[in-house]
Structures are given as C-alpha cells and as structure tokens.
Amino acid sequence: MKQNKFKMKKVYFIAFLTLVGFTEVNAQQDPHYTQYMYNMSVMNPAYAGSKENISGGLLYRKQWVELEDAPTTGTFFLHSPVGRNVGLGFSAINDKIGPVEETNLYGDFSYTLNLGGEHKLAFGLKAGLTMHKVDFDVIRPTLPNPADEAFGQNPNATFFNLGSGVFYYTNKYYLSFSMPNMLKATYLDFSGKKYGTENLHYFLTGGYVFDLNPNLKFKPFAMVKSSINAPTSVDLSTNFLFNEKIELGATYRLQDSFGAMVNFAITPSLRIGYAYDHVVSDLDIATPSSHEFMLLFDISSSKKVSRSPRYF
C-alpha cells in the first residue's frame, strides 16, 4: 500500500510539474470536457444568448480517479438574450490539481447577424479574471529538494484576460471557433525565470442533427483543441436522442481515451447527464477512468413553445 501511494505521488508530482510548466516551453492546458457540446458558452462567448430563453448549467469533472490529487473541475454558466441580436452570459470555472488551484470568472457579450432564413452568425467577446494559487506545503515532502528556494513561497496571483469567438448556426448544425484566453500570464517568476506560462488556446467545434425518424435523432459532434507548444486534442462524439427524452452517446479523444455519455430530460427545461472516459494513453498504467456529471436548465418568462427548437 505504501509503495503504491509513493508511486501515485511520483506520478502526481510529474503531473504537477507538467501543469505549471517546469520546462521552458510547456503551456498550461485548459480543462477537458467530454460533454463539451452542452458547455459551449464556457468555450465560446458568441454562444451567449443563442437560445430563446435563459439557459444555464452546472458541470463537475473528476479526472483520472485513481490518481492521488488528480484534476477536478467545477463549472457554472448562465446566458440569455437581452435585446435584439444581443446576448449576455457569465461563467465560473474552478480547476484543481493537487496544490494548484485556478478560478476563472468571466462575463460574455455576443452580437448576432441574421443571414436569412434560419442562418445566423454570432460574434462574441469575454472578459474576466483568472485567480491562480499554489500551495507548495502540500507536496513539500515529495520534492527532490524540499529546501529549494523556488518552492519557498506559495504563489497567489490574479490576472485579467480576454477571449473571443465566432458561432455560425442554424436549427440543424453549427460551426464554432473561439480563443477563450487571449492574453499570456506567468504563474511563477523565480530569479527572472518564468514558469507556467499560459498561452493562447483555440477551439474549433462543429455538429449536425439528423432526423432519422420522428422519434430518433442522430447527433455527431467534433472538437479540435490546440495551443502553441502544447499537443493538439481531437474529440469525436456521437449521440442518439430518443423521443426528446433520453440521449445516449459515445466519444473518442484521439490517442487519449474513449467513453460513453447519457443524459435524461426530467422536464422539458431540466436535464441531467453523465459521461465516463476510459483512458488508453500512458496514464492507463496509473488510472483508467474519468467521470463527468452535468445539470442543464432553461428558465423561460413565457409559456409559449419555441418556434425554433435547438438540439445543441
């Protein structure tokens, strides 16, 4: 048992070094989401207000469950149309891995152009704060040199950041491109050497809704996530929606994991979901799985049924 725990701490320490970039080129990665198609406003501010009512959600992700102090992510988002062609939104993201904790608070603004028929093109901006802190006391016993001055103080910093995005959509399909964090930030500066620099990330996503019959819809999705000096991540997902109630799907993250998703409409305005990832990368040696839980809700000020139903 002690030997296994020591191995976990070693893996955890390597993950920590990767996170804060204790090499000269590594960049901090944004959190992973398996159910990204239901978390769009967090990645792309242009999505804010794209539905006809107030929409929001909660998401919790526990990554690499058998790895000690592995990443956990909690997300809340809310957005709504507020006037003709204008949408506003808010998101809060808390991401933790061992001694490292990051909290992001963002406000979103979008403006939508009606291109004719059901075709729309939205442009979005997000602005907010990133609060980053590290508690080296948690891992000090596992460090090769606990007296190293680089770990003498616990960094605690707040940064301003900006993001932008474009969102083209109809009732049947969409294409989205966004850069949620456009400004660089350095999390640790020791003796003039900078570590844990966060670089610009971009997200390219798309999806389509096929009506197979009146009671069954087929919904493929894809996402490409990348950054300068960081590996590109490719997600391929597909869902089947039965009777507007139950949704079952599968997902594959290239050279990393595969998994399954399920969500259920408790009411027309309240939906719960769960996703499971099975790791197939090198981390499978230490931990085989990740779990993600989701709650989505809509708040409508009118009892009328939407004339433009959306499934993403």
C-alpha atoms as a PDB file:
ATOM      1  CA  MET A   1       0.000   0.000   0.000  1.00  0.00           C
ATOM      2  CA  LYS A   2       2.772   2.465   0.927  1.00  0.00           C
ATOM      3  CA  GLN A   3       4.654   1.605  -2.228  1.00  0.00           C
ATOM      4  CA  ASN A   4       1.547   2.239  -4.358  1.00  0.00           C
ATOM      5  CA  LYS A   5       0.955   5.550  -2.605  1.00  0.00           C
ATOM      6  CA  PHE A   6       4.550   6.568  -3.259  1.00  0.00           C
ATOM      7  CA  LYS A   7       4.099   5.712  -6.937  1.00  0.00           C
ATOM      8  CA  MET A   8       0.952   7.813  -7.026  1.00  0.00           C
ATOM      9  CA  LYS A   9       2.806  10.742  -5.507  1.00  0.00           C
ATOM     10  CA  LYS A  10       5.557  10.366  -8.081  1.00  0.00           C
ATOM     11  CA  VAL A  11       3.024  10.406 -10.910  1.00  0.00           C
ATOM     12  CA  TYR A  12       1.218  13.291  -9.242  1.00  0.00           C
ATOM     13  CA  PHE A  13       4.464  15.255  -8.908  1.00  0.00           C
ATOM     14  CA  ILE A  14       5.220  14.728 -12.600  1.00  0.00           C
ATOM     15  CA  ALA A  15       1.693  15.902 -13.441  1.00  0.00           C
ATOM     16  CA  PHE A  16       2.210  18.964 -11.262  1.00  0.00           C
ATOM     17  CA  LEU A  17       5.467  19.854 -12.971  1.00  0.00           C
ATOM     18  CA  THR A  18       3.754  19.485 -16.319  1.00  0.00           C
ATOM     19  CA  LEU A  19       0.892  21.720 -15.198  1.00  0.00           C
ATOM     20  CA  VAL A  20       2.976  24.633 -14.014  1.00  0.00           C
ATOM     21  CA  GLY A  21       5.430  24.194 -16.863  1.00  0.00           C
ATOM     22  CA  PHE A  22       8.719  23.383 -15.176  1.00  0.00           C
ATOM     23  CA  THR A  23      10.217  23.182 -18.587  1.00  0.00           C
ATOM     24  CA  GLU A  24      10.851  26.225 -20.679  1.00  0.00           C
ATOM     25  CA  VAL A  25       8.220  25.528 -23.307  1.00  0.00           C
ATOM     26  CA  ASN A  26       5.222  23.809 -21.723  1.00  0.00           C
ATOM     27  CA  ALA A  27       1.973  25.757 -21.676  1.00  0.00           C
ATOM     28  CA  GLN A  28      -0.890  25.407 -19.242  1.00  0.00           C
ATOM     29  CA  GLN A  29      -3.822  23.446 -20.659  1.00  0.00           C
ATOM     30  CA  ASP A  30      -7.464  24.434 -20.211  1.00  0.00           C
ATOM     31  CA  PRO A  31      -9.752  21.877 -18.534  1.00  0.00           C
ATOM     32  CA  HIS A  32     -11.050  18.907 -20.546  1.00  0.00           C
ATOM     33  CA  TYR A  33     -14.799  18.454 -21.088  1.00  0.00           C
ATOM     34  CA  THR A  34     -16.334  15.308 -22.516  1.00  0.00           C
ATOM     35  CA  GLN A  35     -19.816  16.866 -22.744  1.00  0.00           C
ATOM     36  CA  TYR A  36     -18.421  19.975 -24.443  1.00  0.00           C
ATOM     37  CA  MET A  37     -21.449  20.246 -26.776  1.00  0.00           C
ATOM     38  CA  TYR A  38     -23.538  21.262 -23.733  1.00  0.00           C
ATOM     39  CA  ASN A  39     -20.879  23.585 -22.308  1.00  0.00           C
ATOM     40  CA  MET A  40     -20.464  25.823 -25.333  1.00  0.00           C
ATOM     41  CA  SER A  41     -20.726  29.254 -23.718  1.00  0.00           C
ATOM     42  CA  VAL A  42     -17.716  28.492 -21.491  1.00  0.00           C
ATOM     43  CA  MET A  43     -15.535  27.966 -24.570  1.00  0.00           C
ATOM     44  CA  ASN A  44     -17.143  30.496 -26.922  1.00  0.00           C
ATOM     45  CA  PRO A  45     -18.725  33.816 -25.834  1.00  0.00           C
ATOM     46  CA  ALA A  46     -20.527  34.060 -29.182  1.00  0.00           C
ATOM     47  CA  TYR A  47     -22.844  31.263 -27.952  1.00  0.00           C
ATOM     48  CA  ALA A  48     -24.294  33.550 -25.253  1.00  0.00           C
ATOM     49  CA  GLY A  49     -27.942  34.372 -25.941  1.00  0.00           C
ATOM     50  CA  SER A  50     -28.239  31.966 -28.875  1.00  0.00           C
ATOM     51  CA  LYS A  51     -31.279  30.315 -27.315  1.00  0.00           C
ATOM     52  CA  GLU A  52     -34.648  31.996 -26.848  1.00  0.00           C
ATOM     53  CA  ASN A  53     -34.577  31.957 -23.046  1.00  0.00           C
ATOM     54  CA  ILE A  54     -32.249  31.984 -20.057  1.00  0.00           C
ATOM     55  CA  SER A  55     -30.046  28.888 -20.199  1.00  0.00           C
ATOM     56  CA  GLY A  56     -27.575  27.620 -17.647  1.00  0.00           C
ATOM     57  CA  GLY A  57     -25.790  24.608 -16.310  1.00  0.00           C
ATOM     58  CA  LEU A  58     -23.510  23.003 -13.765  1.00  0.00           C
ATOM     59  CA  LEU A  59     -20.761  20.534 -14.577  1.00  0.00           C
ATOM     60  CA  TYR A  60     -18.396  18.598 -12.344  1.00  0.00           C
ATOM     61  CA  ARG A  61     -15.491  16.506 -13.669  1.00  0.00           C
ATOM     62  CA  LYS A  62     -13.227  14.149 -11.746  1.00  0.00           C
ATOM     63  CA  GLN A  63     -10.312  13.191 -13.958  1.00  0.00           C
ATOM     64  CA  TRP A  64      -8.063  10.136 -13.513  1.00  0.00           C
ATOM     65  CA  VAL A  65      -9.989   8.964 -10.449  1.00  0.00           C
ATOM     66  CA  GLU A  66      -7.352   6.588  -9.053  1.00  0.00           C
ATOM     67  CA  LEU A  67      -4.553   9.145  -9.240  1.00  0.00           C
ATOM     68  CA  GLU A  68      -3.918  10.928  -5.968  1.00  0.00           C
ATOM     69  CA  ASP A  69      -4.869  14.639  -6.128  1.00  0.00           C
ATOM     70  CA  ALA A  70      -5.839  14.333  -9.793  1.00  0.00           C
ATOM     71  CA  PRO A  71      -7.600  17.206 -11.609  1.00  0.00           C
ATOM     72  CA  THR A  72     -11.137  18.172 -10.610  1.00  0.00           C
ATOM     73  CA  THR A  73     -13.152  20.815 -12.427  1.00  0.00           C
ATOM     74  CA  GLY A  74     -16.350  22.576 -11.386  1.00  0.00           C
ATOM     75  CA  THR A  75     -18.176  24.799 -13.877  1.00  0.00           C
ATOM     76  CA  PHE A  76     -21.223  27.076 -13.741  1.00  0.00           C
ATOM     77  CA  PHE A  77     -22.574  29.046 -16.693  1.00  0.00           C
ATOM     78  CA  LEU A  78     -25.618  31.196 -17.432  1.00  0.00           C
ATOM     79  CA  HIS A  79     -26.544  33.147 -20.554  1.00  0.00           C
ATOM     80  CA  SER A  80     -29.552  34.836 -22.121  1.00  0.00           C
ATOM     81  CA  PRO A  81     -30.689  37.076 -24.967  1.00  0.00           C
ATOM     82  CA  VAL A  82     -31.164  40.604 -23.587  1.00  0.00           C
ATOM     83  CA  GLY A  83     -32.311  42.531 -26.631  1.00  0.00           C
ATOM     84  CA  ARG A  84     -32.457  42.422 -30.372  1.00  0.00           C
ATOM     85  CA  ASN A  85     -29.415  40.419 -31.571  1.00  0.00           C
ATOM     86  CA  VAL A  86     -27.580  40.835 -28.228  1.00  0.00           C
ATOM     87  CA  GLY A  87     -26.731  38.160 -25.662  1.00  0.00           C
ATOM     88  CA  LEU A  88     -25.029  38.266 -22.270  1.00  0.00           C
ATOM     89  CA  GLY A  89     -23.548  35.485 -20.185  1.00  0.00           C
ATOM     90  CA  PHE A  90     -21.487  34.586 -17.139  1.00  0.00           C
ATOM     91  CA  SER A  91     -19.256  31.616 -16.345  1.00  0.00           C
ATOM     92  CA  ALA A  92     -17.274  30.464 -13.327  1.00  0.00           C
ATOM     93  CA  ILE A  93     -14.707  27.660 -13.548  1.00  0.00           C
ATOM     94  CA  ASN A  94     -12.720  26.161 -10.687  1.00  0.00           C
ATOM     95  CA  ASP A  95      -9.916  23.786 -11.657  1.00  0.00           C
ATOM     96  CA  LYS A  96      -7.714  21.958  -9.132  1.00  0.00           C
ATOM     97  CA  ILE A  97      -4.789  19.553  -9.398  1.00  0.00           C
ATOM     98  CA  GLY A  98      -3.011  18.783  -6.142  1.00  0.00           C
ATOM     99  CA  PRO A  99      -1.644  22.040  -4.715  1.00  0.00           C
ATOM    100  CA  VAL A 100      -2.602  24.091  -7.788  1.00  0.00           C
ATOM    101  CA  GLU A 101      -5.976  25.833  -7.910  1.00  0.00           C
ATOM    102  CA  GLU A 102      -7.276  28.150 -10.618  1.00  0.00           C
ATOM    103  CA  THR A 103     -10.576  30.035 -10.663  1.00  0.00           C
ATOM    104  CA  ASN A 104     -11.878  31.859 -13.725  1.00  0.00           C
ATOM    105  CA  LEU A 105     -14.750  34.381 -13.614  1.00  0.00           C
ATOM    106  CA  TYR A 106     -15.895  35.690 -16.994  1.00  0.00           C
ATOM    107  CA  GLY A 107     -18.639  37.831 -18.467  1.00  0.00           C
ATOM    108  CA  ASP A 108     -19.727  37.226 -22.086  1.00  0.00           C
ATOM    109  CA  PHE A 109     -21.162  39.520 -24.763  1.00  0.00           C
ATOM    110  CA  SER A 110     -22.437  38.449 -28.184  1.00  0.00           C
ATOM    111  CA  TYR A 111     -23.954  40.119 -31.215  1.00  0.00           C
ATOM    112  CA  THR A 112     -25.818  38.070 -33.839  1.00  0.00           C
ATOM    113  CA  LEU A 113     -26.312  38.772 -37.530  1.00  0.00           C
ATOM    114  CA  ASN A 114     -29.362  37.233 -39.205  1.00  0.00           C
ATOM    115  CA  LEU A 115     -28.134  35.933 -42.569  1.00  0.00           C
ATOM    116  CA  GLY A 116     -31.542  34.953 -43.872  1.00  0.00           C
ATOM    117  CA  GLY A 117     -33.871  32.101 -43.042  1.00  0.00           C
ATOM    118  CA  GLU A 118     -32.580  30.206 -40.019  1.00  0.00           C
ATOM    119  CA  HIS A 119     -28.909  31.027 -40.723  1.00  0.00           C
ATOM    120  CA  LYS A 120     -27.207  33.127 -38.045  1.00  0.00           C
ATOM    121  CA  LEU A 121     -23.669  34.329 -37.394  1.00  0.00           C
ATOM    122  CA  ALA A 122     -22.701  35.481 -33.899  1.00  0.00           C
ATOM    123  CA  PHE A 123     -19.576  37.303 -32.718  1.00  0.00           C
ATOM    124  CA  GLY A 124     -18.586  37.225 -29.061  1.00  0.00           C
ATOM    125  CA  LEU A 125     -16.207  38.713 -26.531  1.00  0.00           C
ATOM    126  CA  LYS A 126     -15.470  37.561 -22.991  1.00  0.00           C
ATOM    127  CA  ALA A 127     -13.563  39.362 -20.263  1.00  0.00           C
ATOM    128  CA  GLY A 128     -12.774  38.463 -16.697  1.00  0.00           C
ATOM    129  CA  LEU A 129     -10.306  37.398 -14.060  1.00  0.00           C
ATOM    130  CA  THR A 130      -8.116  34.337 -13.558  1.00  0.00           C
ATOM    131  CA  MET A 131      -7.138  33.712  -9.932  1.00  0.00           C
ATOM    132  CA  HIS A 132      -4.255  31.295  -9.535  1.00  0.00           C
ATOM    133  CA  LYS A 133      -2.687  29.936  -6.355  1.00  0.00           C
ATOM    134  CA  VAL A 134      -0.257  27.156  -5.432  1.00  0.00           C
ATOM    135  CA  ASP A 135       0.219  25.578  -2.006  1.00  0.00           C
ATOM    136  CA  PHE A 136       3.701  24.054  -2.103  1.00  0.00           C
ATOM    137  CA  ASP A 137       3.334  22.890   1.513  1.00  0.00           C
ATOM    138  CA  VAL A 138       1.102  20.067   0.251  1.00  0.00           C
ATOM    139  CA  ILE A 139       3.870  18.488  -1.848  1.00  0.00           C
ATOM    140  CA  ARG A 140       6.983  19.618   0.008  1.00  0.00           C
ATOM    141  CA  PRO A 141       7.678  16.126   1.482  1.00  0.00           C
ATOM    142  CA  THR A 142       7.685  14.649  -2.061  1.00  0.00           C
ATOM    143  CA  LEU A 143      10.092  17.175  -3.572  1.00  0.00           C
ATOM    144  CA  PRO A 144      13.624  16.027  -4.519  1.00  0.00           C
ATOM    145  CA  ASN A 145      14.971  19.049  -2.618  1.00  0.00           C
ATOM    146  CA  PRO A 146      12.401  20.403  -0.116  1.00  0.00           C
ATOM    147  CA  ALA A 147      14.744  23.308   0.731  1.00  0.00           C
ATOM    148  CA  ASP A 148      14.776  24.571  -2.884  1.00  0.00           C
ATOM    149  CA  GLU A 149      14.119  28.325  -2.817  1.00  0.00           C
ATOM    150  CA  ALA A 150      11.862  28.033  -5.859  1.00  0.00           C
ATOM    151  CA  PHE A 151       9.299  26.351  -3.594  1.00  0.00           C
ATOM    152  CA  GLY A 152       9.831  28.672  -0.634  1.00  0.00           C
ATOM    153  CA  GLN A 153       6.747  30.801  -1.217  1.00  0.00           C
ATOM    154  CA  ASN A 154       3.202  29.936  -2.266  1.00  0.00           C
ATOM    155  CA  PRO A 155       2.350  31.936  -5.410  1.00  0.00           C
ATOM    156  CA  ASN A 156      -1.009  33.716  -5.399  1.00  0.00           C
ATOM    157  CA  ALA A 157      -1.881  35.958  -8.326  1.00  0.00           C
ATOM    158  CA  THR A 158      -4.844  37.399 -10.226  1.00  0.00           C
ATOM    159  CA  PHE A 159      -4.753  38.154 -13.946  1.00  0.00           C
ATOM    160  CA  PHE A 160      -7.101  39.941 -16.337  1.00  0.00           C
ATOM    161  CA  ASN A 161      -7.918  38.071 -19.523  1.00  0.00           C
ATOM    162  CA  LEU A 162      -9.901  38.403 -22.742  1.00  0.00           C
ATOM    163  CA  GLY A 163     -11.478  35.902 -25.105  1.00  0.00           C
ATOM    164  CA  SER A 164     -13.298  35.964 -28.426  1.00  0.00           C
ATOM    165  CA  GLY A 165     -15.288  33.683 -30.679  1.00  0.00           C
ATOM    166  CA  VAL A 166     -17.436  33.220 -33.767  1.00  0.00           C
ATOM    167  CA  PHE A 167     -20.519  30.981 -33.888  1.00  0.00           C
ATOM    168  CA  TYR A 168     -22.385  30.107 -37.098  1.00  0.00           C
ATOM    169  CA  TYR A 169     -25.551  28.083 -36.664  1.00  0.00           C
ATOM    170  CA  THR A 170     -28.955  27.007 -37.913  1.00  0.00           C
ATOM    171  CA  ASN A 171     -31.509  24.750 -36.231  1.00  0.00           C
ATOM    172  CA  LYS A 172     -29.691  21.698 -37.602  1.00  0.00           C
ATOM    173  CA  TYR A 173     -25.956  22.372 -37.488  1.00  0.00           C
ATOM    174  CA  TYR A 174     -23.277  24.695 -36.152  1.00  0.00           C
ATOM    175  CA  LEU A 175     -19.633  25.621 -36.535  1.00  0.00           C
ATOM    176  CA  SER A 176     -17.730  27.389 -33.764  1.00  0.00           C
ATOM    177  CA  PHE A 177     -14.246  28.869 -33.450  1.00  0.00           C
ATOM    178  CA  SER A 178     -13.002  30.527 -30.266  1.00  0.00           C
ATOM    179  CA  MET A 179     -10.000  31.646 -28.235  1.00  0.00           C
ATOM    180  CA  PRO A 180     -11.257  31.894 -24.632  1.00  0.00           C
ATOM    181  CA  ASN A 181      -7.906  33.075 -23.172  1.00  0.00           C
ATOM    182  CA  MET A 182      -6.086  35.520 -25.433  1.00  0.00           C
ATOM    183  CA  LEU A 183      -3.613  37.098 -23.000  1.00  0.00           C
ATOM    184  CA  LYS A 184      -0.465  35.413 -21.707  1.00  0.00           C
ATOM    185  CA  ALA A 185       0.128  35.081 -17.981  1.00  0.00           C
ATOM    186  CA  THR A 186       3.042  33.777 -15.904  1.00  0.00           C
ATOM    187  CA  TYR A 187       2.212  31.856 -12.734  1.00  0.00           C
ATOM    188  CA  LEU A 188       5.663  31.664 -11.171  1.00  0.00           C
ATOM    189  CA  ASP A 189       8.624  34.003 -11.648  1.00  0.00           C
ATOM    190  CA  PHE A 190      11.752  32.845  -9.816  1.00  0.00           C
ATOM    191  CA  SER A 191      15.070  34.663 -10.222  1.00  0.00           C
ATOM    192  CA  GLY A 192      13.942  36.144 -13.510  1.00  0.00           C
ATOM    193  CA  LYS A 193      12.927  32.770 -14.937  1.00  0.00           C
ATOM    194  CA  LYS A 194       9.247  32.348 -15.774  1.00  0.00           C
ATOM    195  CA  TYR A 195       7.363  29.088 -15.265  1.00  0.00           C
ATOM    196  CA  GLY A 196       3.806  28.010 -16.022  1.00  0.00           C
ATOM    197  CA  THR A 197       3.153  30.493 -18.813  1.00  0.00           C
ATOM    198  CA  GLU A 198      -0.386  30.248 -20.162  1.00  0.00           C
ATOM    199  CA  ASN A 199      -0.513  30.630 -23.937  1.00  0.00           C
ATOM    200  CA  LEU A 200      -3.396  31.214 -26.312  1.00  0.00           C
ATOM    201  CA  HIS A 201      -5.662  28.197 -26.864  1.00  0.00           C
ATOM    202  CA  TYR A 202      -8.117  27.795 -29.691  1.00  0.00           C
ATOM    203  CA  PHE A 203     -11.200  25.593 -30.019  1.00  0.00           C
ATOM    204  CA  LEU A 204     -12.822  24.503 -33.268  1.00  0.00           C
ATOM    205  CA  THR A 205     -16.115  22.641 -32.837  1.00  0.00           C
ATOM    206  CA  GLY A 206     -18.996  21.558 -35.044  1.00  0.00           C
ATOM    207  CA  GLY A 207     -22.093  19.419 -35.001  1.00  0.00           C
ATOM    208  CA  TYR A 208     -25.122  18.300 -37.019  1.00  0.00           C
ATOM    209  CA  VAL A 209     -28.579  16.962 -36.149  1.00  0.00           C
ATOM    210  CA  PHE A 210     -30.019  14.240 -38.427  1.00  0.00           C
ATOM    211  CA  ASP A 211     -33.705  13.306 -38.151  1.00  0.00           C
ATOM    212  CA  LEU A 212     -33.701   9.532 -38.613  1.00  0.00           C
ATOM    213  CA  ASN A 213     -37.423   9.320 -37.849  1.00  0.00           C
ATOM    214  CA  PRO A 214     -39.952  11.391 -35.818  1.00  0.00           C
ATOM    215  CA  ASN A 215     -38.722   9.843 -32.552  1.00  0.00           C
ATOM    216  CA  LEU A 216     -34.988   9.464 -33.191  1.00  0.00           C
ATOM    217  CA  LYS A 217     -32.249  11.993 -33.877  1.00  0.00           C
ATOM    218  CA  PHE A 218     -28.589  11.300 -34.666  1.00  0.00           C
ATOM    219  CA  LYS A 219     -26.135  13.996 -33.469  1.00  0.00           C
ATOM    220  CA  PRO A 220     -22.434  13.761 -34.390  1.00  0.00           C
ATOM    221  CA  PHE A 221     -20.036  16.341 -32.914  1.00  0.00           C
ATOM    222  CA  ALA A 222     -16.329  17.099 -33.156  1.00  0.00           C
ATOM    223  CA  MET A 223     -13.855  19.371 -31.357  1.00  0.00           C
ATOM    224  CA  VAL A 224     -10.239  20.310 -32.019  1.00  0.00           C
ATOM    225  CA  LYS A 225      -8.377  21.991 -29.182  1.00  0.00           C
ATOM    226  CA  SER A 226      -4.813  23.224 -29.509  1.00  0.00           C
ATOM    227  CA  SER A 227      -2.228  25.714 -28.316  1.00  0.00           C
ATOM    228  CA  ILE A 228       1.240  26.884 -29.137  1.00  0.00           C
ATOM    229  CA  ASN A 229       3.775  24.449 -27.648  1.00  0.00           C
ATOM    230  CA  ALA A 230       1.045  22.057 -26.483  1.00  0.00           C
ATOM    231  CA  PRO A 231      -0.367  18.872 -28.054  1.00  0.00           C
ATOM    232  CA  THR A 232      -3.484  19.100 -30.213  1.00  0.00           C
ATOM    233  CA  SER A 233      -6.524  17.312 -28.779  1.00  0.00           C
ATOM    234  CA  VAL A 234      -9.203  15.888 -31.113  1.00  0.00           C
ATOM    235  CA  ASP A 235     -12.589  14.749 -29.798  1.00  0.00           C
ATOM    236  CA  LEU A 236     -15.106  12.790 -31.892  1.00  0.00           C
ATOM    237  CA  SER A 237     -18.552  12.235 -30.385  1.00  0.00           C
ATOM    238  CA  THR A 238     -21.926  10.924 -31.440  1.00  0.00           C
ATOM    239  CA  ASN A 239     -25.301  10.927 -29.671  1.00  0.00           C
ATOM    240  CA  PHE A 240     -28.717   9.424 -30.310  1.00  0.00           C
ATOM    241  CA  LEU A 241     -31.750  11.286 -28.943  1.00  0.00           C
ATOM    242  CA  PHE A 242     -34.837   9.144 -28.294  1.00  0.00           C
ATOM    243  CA  ASN A 243     -38.303  10.734 -28.003  1.00  0.00           C
ATOM    244  CA  GLU A 244     -36.811  14.093 -26.951  1.00  0.00           C
ATOM    245  CA  LYS A 245     -36.094  12.463 -23.567  1.00  0.00           C
ATOM    246  CA  ILE A 246     -33.120  10.124 -23.415  1.00  0.00           C
ATOM    247  CA  GLU A 247     -29.775  10.686 -25.090  1.00  0.00           C
ATOM    248  CA  LEU A 248     -27.096   8.005 -25.433  1.00  0.00           C
ATOM    249  CA  GLY A 249     -23.696   8.544 -26.983  1.00  0.00           C
ATOM    250  CA  ALA A 250     -20.068   7.606 -27.347  1.00  0.00           C
ATOM    251  CA  THR A 251     -16.891   9.662 -27.541  1.00  0.00           C
ATOM    252  CA  TYR A 252     -13.270   9.189 -28.534  1.00  0.00           C
ATOM    253  CA  ARG A 253     -10.374  11.532 -27.735  1.00  0.00           C
ATOM    254  CA  LEU A 254      -7.568  10.760 -30.162  1.00  0.00           C
ATOM    255  CA  GLN A 255      -4.748   8.742 -28.539  1.00  0.00           C
ATOM    256  CA  ASP A 256      -6.119   9.534 -25.065  1.00  0.00           C
ATOM    257  CA  SER A 257      -9.474   7.982 -24.137  1.00  0.00           C
ATOM    258  CA  PHE A 258     -12.845   6.652 -25.214  1.00  0.00           C
ATOM    259  CA  GLY A 259     -16.102   6.741 -23.339  1.00  0.00           C
ATOM    260  CA  ALA A 260     -19.875   6.873 -23.127  1.00  0.00           C
ATOM    261  CA  MET A 261     -22.445   9.569 -22.368  1.00  0.00           C
ATOM    262  CA  VAL A 262     -26.042   9.536 -21.222  1.00  0.00           C
ATOM    263  CA  ASN A 263     -28.467  12.308 -20.335  1.00  0.00           C
ATOM    264  CA  PHE A 264     -32.140  12.434 -19.458  1.00  0.00           C
ATOM    265  CA  ALA A 265     -34.766  15.198 -19.667  1.00  0.00           C
ATOM    266  CA  ILE A 266     -36.520  15.244 -16.289  1.00  0.00           C
ATOM    267  CA  THR A 267     -38.749  18.016 -17.662  1.00  0.00           C
ATOM    268  CA  PRO A 268     -38.575  19.951 -20.951  1.00  0.00           C
ATOM    269  CA  SER A 269     -36.476  22.571 -19.139  1.00  0.00           C
ATOM    270  CA  LEU A 270     -34.324  20.365 -16.874  1.00  0.00           C
ATOM    271  CA  ARG A 271     -31.786  17.762 -17.999  1.00  0.00           C
ATOM    272  CA  ILE A 272     -29.169  15.694 -16.151  1.00  0.00           C
ATOM    273  CA  GLY A 273     -26.214  13.887 -17.718  1.00  0.00           C
ATOM    274  CA  TYR A 274     -23.209  11.676 -17.039  1.00  0.00           C
ATOM    275  CA  ALA A 275     -20.078  10.820 -19.039  1.00  0.00           C
ATOM    276  CA  TYR A 276     -17.437   8.160 -18.461  1.00  0.00           C
ATOM    277  CA  ASP A 277     -13.961   8.204 -20.043  1.00  0.00           C
ATOM    278  CA  HIS A 278     -11.663   5.190 -20.155  1.00  0.00           C
ATOM    279  CA  VAL A 279      -8.032   6.237 -20.508  1.00  0.00           C
ATOM    280  CA  VAL A 280      -5.964   4.492 -23.209  1.00  0.00           C
ATOM    281  CA  SER A 281      -2.902   6.765 -23.080  1.00  0.00           C
ATOM    282  CA  ASP A 282       0.193   6.122 -20.925  1.00  0.00           C
ATOM    283  CA  LEU A 283      -1.770   7.255 -17.857  1.00  0.00           C
ATOM    284  CA  ASP A 284      -3.740   3.988 -18.068  1.00  0.00           C
ATOM    285  CA  ILE A 285      -0.905   2.472 -16.028  1.00  0.00           C
ATOM    286  CA  ALA A 286      -1.945   4.567 -13.027  1.00  0.00           C
ATOM    287  CA  THR A 287      -5.609   5.387 -13.599  1.00  0.00           C
ATOM    288  CA  PRO A 288      -8.116   4.016 -16.096  1.00  0.00           C
ATOM    289  CA  SER A 289     -11.059   6.394 -15.910  1.00  0.00           C
ATOM    290  CA  SER A 290     -12.613   9.848 -15.534  1.00  0.00           C
ATOM    291  CA  HIS A 291     -16.179  10.843 -14.599  1.00  0.00           C
ATOM    292  CA  GLU A 292     -18.262  13.891 -15.516  1.00  0.00           C
ATOM    293  CA  PHE A 293     -21.684  14.990 -14.203  1.00  0.00           C
ATOM    294  CA  MET A 294     -23.924  17.633 -15.763  1.00  0.00           C
ATOM    295  CA  LEU A 295     -27.108  19.556 -14.943  1.00  0.00           C
ATOM    296  CA  LEU A 296     -28.735  21.790 -17.581  1.00  0.00           C
ATOM    297  CA  PHE A 297     -31.728  24.087 -17.123  1.00  0.00           C
ATOM    298  CA  ASP A 298     -33.770  26.658 -19.039  1.00  0.00           C
ATOM    299  CA  ILE A 299     -35.761  29.490 -17.491  1.00  0.00           C
ATOM    300  CA  SER A 300     -38.498  30.931 -19.675  1.00  0.00           C
ATOM    301  CA  SER A 301     -40.573  34.026 -18.969  1.00  0.00           C
ATOM    302  CA  SER A 302     -43.189  32.841 -21.465  1.00  0.00           C
ATOM    303  CA  LYS A 303     -45.264  29.667 -21.673  1.00  0.00           C
ATOM    304  CA  LYS A 304     -45.172  29.591 -25.454  1.00  0.00           C
ATOM    305  CA  VAL A 305     -43.260  26.803 -27.141  1.00  0.00           C
ATOM    306  CA  SER A 306     -40.159  27.815 -29.059  1.00  0.00           C
ATOM    307  CA  ARG A 307     -40.751  28.000 -32.819  1.00  0.00           C
ATOM    308  CA  SER A 308     -37.065  27.279 -33.441  1.00  0.00           C
ATOM    309  CA  PRO A 309     -36.128  24.151 -31.462  1.00  0.00           C
ATOM    310  CA  ARG A 310     -32.406  23.645 -30.937  1.00  0.00           C
ATOM    311  CA  TYR A 311     -30.570  20.464 -30.017  1.00  0.00           C
ATOM    312  CA  PHE A 312     -27.160  21.904 -29.122  1.00  0.00           C
END
